[in-house]
Amino acid sequence: MPIDTGLVVIIVAALVFYLRLIILQHDRAKRAARLAASQGKRPGKGSHKRPTPSPLQTYSIISTSRRDWIIAGSGILLILIGVLLNQKLIPIPLAQNYWWLPVAIGILAFSWGFK
């Protein structure tokens, strides 16, 4: 399989996607740990009460914004269009040479669905 410009662009877009997910997950975990540490203050010197353990907080990197999901959905659609162009199922000769462009844009748009 020859490595051309389109394949390199797709690989870079996928790496950016996964790097974005890693950074978002790391930031959320750090923020949740910081919040848990700030809520678990030590009781005063005269107090013998044990602090009540708070339930573990769940966190998610999936965006709840409708606009973000529309952008992510259009990214999935662009990826599918790029695959169809690569397989020559959409008869647009000029666009078949640049099949990698909608795939790369679709991957980056799909990463928008995660915050």
C-alpha atoms as a PDB file:
ATOM      1  CA  MET A   1       0.000   0.000   0.000  1.00  0.00           C
ATOM      2  CA  PRO A   2       1.653   3.211  -1.111  1.00  0.00           C
ATOM      3  CA  ILE A   3       1.781   6.057   1.368  1.00  0.00           C
ATOM      4  CA  ASP A   4       0.554   9.207  -0.338  1.00  0.00           C
ATOM      5  CA  THR A   5      -0.338  12.684   0.870  1.00  0.00           C
ATOM      6  CA  GLY A   6      -3.938  11.760   1.628  1.00  0.00           C
ATOM      7  CA  LEU A   7      -2.970   8.873   3.886  1.00  0.00           C
ATOM      8  CA  VAL A   8      -0.496  11.042   5.790  1.00  0.00           C
ATOM      9  CA  VAL A   9      -3.176  13.703   6.317  1.00  0.00           C
ATOM     10  CA  ILE A  10      -5.618  11.047   7.598  1.00  0.00           C
ATOM     11  CA  ILE A  11      -3.010   9.681  10.024  1.00  0.00           C
ATOM     12  CA  VAL A  12      -2.254  13.173  11.353  1.00  0.00           C
ATOM     13  CA  ALA A  13      -5.988  13.922  11.761  1.00  0.00           C
ATOM     14  CA  ALA A  14      -6.487  10.647  13.677  1.00  0.00           C
ATOM     15  CA  LEU A  15      -3.518  11.452  15.927  1.00  0.00           C
ATOM     16  CA  VAL A  16      -4.935  14.914  16.639  1.00  0.00           C
ATOM     17  CA  PHE A  17      -8.304  13.313  17.456  1.00  0.00           C
ATOM     18  CA  TYR A  18      -6.808  10.857  19.944  1.00  0.00           C
ATOM     19  CA  LEU A  19      -4.485  13.450  21.446  1.00  0.00           C
ATOM     20  CA  ARG A  20      -7.501  15.706  22.029  1.00  0.00           C
ATOM     21  CA  LEU A  21      -9.353  12.867  23.768  1.00  0.00           C
ATOM     22  CA  ILE A  22      -6.356  12.095  25.979  1.00  0.00           C
ATOM     23  CA  ILE A  23      -5.936  15.735  26.992  1.00  0.00           C
ATOM     24  CA  LEU A  24      -9.663  16.169  27.723  1.00  0.00           C
ATOM     25  CA  GLN A  25      -9.794  12.994  29.810  1.00  0.00           C
ATOM     26  CA  HIS A  26      -6.676  13.978  31.743  1.00  0.00           C
ATOM     27  CA  ASP A  27      -8.021  17.466  32.470  1.00  0.00           C
ATOM     28  CA  ARG A  28     -11.377  16.125  33.644  1.00  0.00           C
ATOM     29  CA  ALA A  29      -9.736  13.578  35.936  1.00  0.00           C
ATOM     30  CA  LYS A  30      -7.440  16.248  37.404  1.00  0.00           C
ATOM     31  CA  ARG A  31     -10.351  18.632  37.935  1.00  0.00           C
ATOM     32  CA  ALA A  32     -12.424  15.932  39.637  1.00  0.00           C
ATOM     33  CA  ALA A  33      -9.502  14.978  41.911  1.00  0.00           C
ATOM     34  CA  ARG A  34      -8.948  18.635  42.811  1.00  0.00           C
ATOM     35  CA  LEU A  35     -12.634  19.085  43.589  1.00  0.00           C
ATOM     36  CA  ALA A  36     -12.697  15.958  45.754  1.00  0.00           C
ATOM     37  CA  ALA A  37      -9.610  17.127  47.646  1.00  0.00           C
ATOM     38  CA  SER A  38     -11.078  20.571  48.283  1.00  0.00           C
ATOM     39  CA  GLN A  39     -14.334  19.125  49.622  1.00  0.00           C
ATOM     40  CA  GLY A  40     -12.595  16.729  51.977  1.00  0.00           C
ATOM     41  CA  LYS A  41     -11.417  19.338  54.496  1.00  0.00           C
ATOM     42  CA  ARG A  42     -10.108  18.128  57.813  1.00  0.00           C
ATOM     43  CA  PRO A  43     -12.332  18.614  60.861  1.00  0.00           C
ATOM     44  CA  GLY A  44     -11.355  21.155  63.527  1.00  0.00           C
ATOM     45  CA  LYS A  45      -9.090  20.348  66.465  1.00  0.00           C
ATOM     46  CA  GLY A  46     -11.886  19.832  68.995  1.00  0.00           C
ATOM     47  CA  SER A  47     -14.133  17.883  66.697  1.00  0.00           C
ATOM     48  CA  HIS A  48     -13.999  14.096  66.768  1.00  0.00           C
ATOM     49  CA  LYS A  49     -16.521  13.664  64.009  1.00  0.00           C
ATOM     50  CA  ARG A  50     -15.422  11.789  60.976  1.00  0.00           C
ATOM     51  CA  PRO A  51     -16.189  13.456  57.694  1.00  0.00           C
ATOM     52  CA  THR A  52     -18.878  11.669  55.754  1.00  0.00           C
ATOM     53  CA  PRO A  53     -17.412  10.139  52.642  1.00  0.00           C
ATOM     54  CA  SER A  54     -18.832  11.718  49.545  1.00  0.00           C
ATOM     55  CA  PRO A  55     -19.779   9.407  46.701  1.00  0.00           C
ATOM     56  CA  LEU A  56     -17.331   9.257  43.852  1.00  0.00           C
ATOM     57  CA  GLN A  57     -18.160  11.795  41.225  1.00  0.00           C
ATOM     58  CA  THR A  58     -18.638  10.588  37.724  1.00  0.00           C
ATOM     59  CA  TYR A  59     -17.438  12.659  34.839  1.00  0.00           C
ATOM     60  CA  SER A  60     -17.738  12.409  31.118  1.00  0.00           C
ATOM     61  CA  ILE A  61     -15.911  14.008  28.224  1.00  0.00           C
ATOM     62  CA  ILE A  62     -18.931  13.766  25.930  1.00  0.00           C
ATOM     63  CA  SER A  63     -20.395  17.175  25.197  1.00  0.00           C
ATOM     64  CA  THR A  64     -23.994  17.901  26.126  1.00  0.00           C
ATOM     65  CA  SER A  65     -24.428  20.784  23.701  1.00  0.00           C
ATOM     66  CA  ARG A  66     -26.770  20.162  20.780  1.00  0.00           C
ATOM     67  CA  ARG A  67     -24.601  22.279  18.480  1.00  0.00           C
ATOM     68  CA  ASP A  68     -21.553  20.122  19.243  1.00  0.00           C
ATOM     69  CA  TRP A  69     -23.487  16.978  18.391  1.00  0.00           C
ATOM     70  CA  ILE A  70     -24.637  18.469  15.088  1.00  0.00           C
ATOM     71  CA  ILE A  71     -21.021  19.247  14.207  1.00  0.00           C
ATOM     72  CA  ALA A  72     -19.954  15.728  15.270  1.00  0.00           C
ATOM     73  CA  GLY A  73     -22.760  14.195  13.204  1.00  0.00           C
ATOM     74  CA  SER A  74     -21.732  16.178  10.148  1.00  0.00           C
ATOM     75  CA  GLY A  75     -18.185  14.926  10.765  1.00  0.00           C
ATOM     76  CA  ILE A  76     -19.399  11.324  10.613  1.00  0.00           C
ATOM     77  CA  LEU A  77     -21.252  12.155   7.398  1.00  0.00           C
ATOM     78  CA  LEU A  78     -18.089  13.677   5.900  1.00  0.00           C
ATOM     79  CA  ILE A  79     -16.099  10.568   6.814  1.00  0.00           C
ATOM     80  CA  LEU A  80     -18.671   8.387   5.047  1.00  0.00           C
ATOM     81  CA  ILE A  81     -18.616  10.630   1.977  1.00  0.00           C
ATOM     82  CA  GLY A  82     -14.818  10.387   1.889  1.00  0.00           C
ATOM     83  CA  VAL A  83     -14.972   6.584   2.083  1.00  0.00           C
ATOM     84  CA  LEU A  84     -17.512   6.487  -0.748  1.00  0.00           C
ATOM     85  CA  LEU A  85     -15.300   8.776  -2.831  1.00  0.00           C
ATOM     86  CA  ASN A  86     -12.289   6.548  -2.183  1.00  0.00           C
ATOM     87  CA  GLN A  87     -14.220   3.459  -3.295  1.00  0.00           C
ATOM     88  CA  LYS A  88     -15.411   5.370  -6.390  1.00  0.00           C
ATOM     89  CA  LEU A  89     -19.081   4.879  -5.490  1.00  0.00           C
ATOM     90  CA  ILE A  90     -19.793   8.591  -5.930  1.00  0.00           C
ATOM     91  CA  PRO A  91     -19.075   9.431  -9.588  1.00  0.00           C
ATOM     92  CA  ILE A  92     -17.362  12.800  -9.184  1.00  0.00           C
ATOM     93  CA  PRO A  93     -13.971  12.436 -10.925  1.00  0.00           C
ATOM     94  CA  LEU A  94     -12.353  15.569  -9.474  1.00  0.00           C
ATOM     95  CA  ALA A  95     -13.459  14.780  -5.925  1.00  0.00           C
ATOM     96  CA  GLN A  96     -12.231  11.174  -6.090  1.00  0.00           C
ATOM     97  CA  ASN A  97      -8.630  12.383  -6.159  1.00  0.00           C
ATOM     98  CA  TYR A  98      -9.185  14.326  -2.948  1.00  0.00           C
ATOM     99  CA  TRP A  99     -11.150  11.705  -0.991  1.00  0.00           C
ATOM    100  CA  TRP A 100      -8.915  12.266   2.021  1.00  0.00           C
ATOM    101  CA  LEU A 101     -10.031  15.873   2.486  1.00  0.00           C
ATOM    102  CA  PRO A 102     -13.603  15.136   3.700  1.00  0.00           C
ATOM    103  CA  VAL A 103     -12.287  12.250   5.819  1.00  0.00           C
ATOM    104  CA  ALA A 104      -9.730  14.445   7.597  1.00  0.00           C
ATOM    105  CA  ILE A 105     -12.225  17.283   8.098  1.00  0.00           C
ATOM    106  CA  GLY A 106     -14.784  14.728   9.316  1.00  0.00           C
ATOM    107  CA  ILE A 107     -12.374  13.286  11.886  1.00  0.00           C
ATOM    108  CA  LEU A 108     -11.599  16.740  13.248  1.00  0.00           C
ATOM    109  CA  ALA A 109     -15.295  17.697  13.261  1.00  0.00           C
ATOM    110  CA  PHE A 110     -16.173  14.475  15.084  1.00  0.00           C
ATOM    111  CA  SER A 111     -13.680  15.360  17.814  1.00  0.00           C
ATOM    112  CA  TRP A 112     -15.800  18.463  18.438  1.00  0.00           C
ATOM    113  CA  GLY A 113     -18.410  16.239  20.104  1.00  0.00           C
ATOM    114  CA  PHE A 114     -16.112  15.757  23.089  1.00  0.00           C
ATOM    115  CA  LYS A 115     -15.547  18.564  25.603  1.00  0.00           C
END
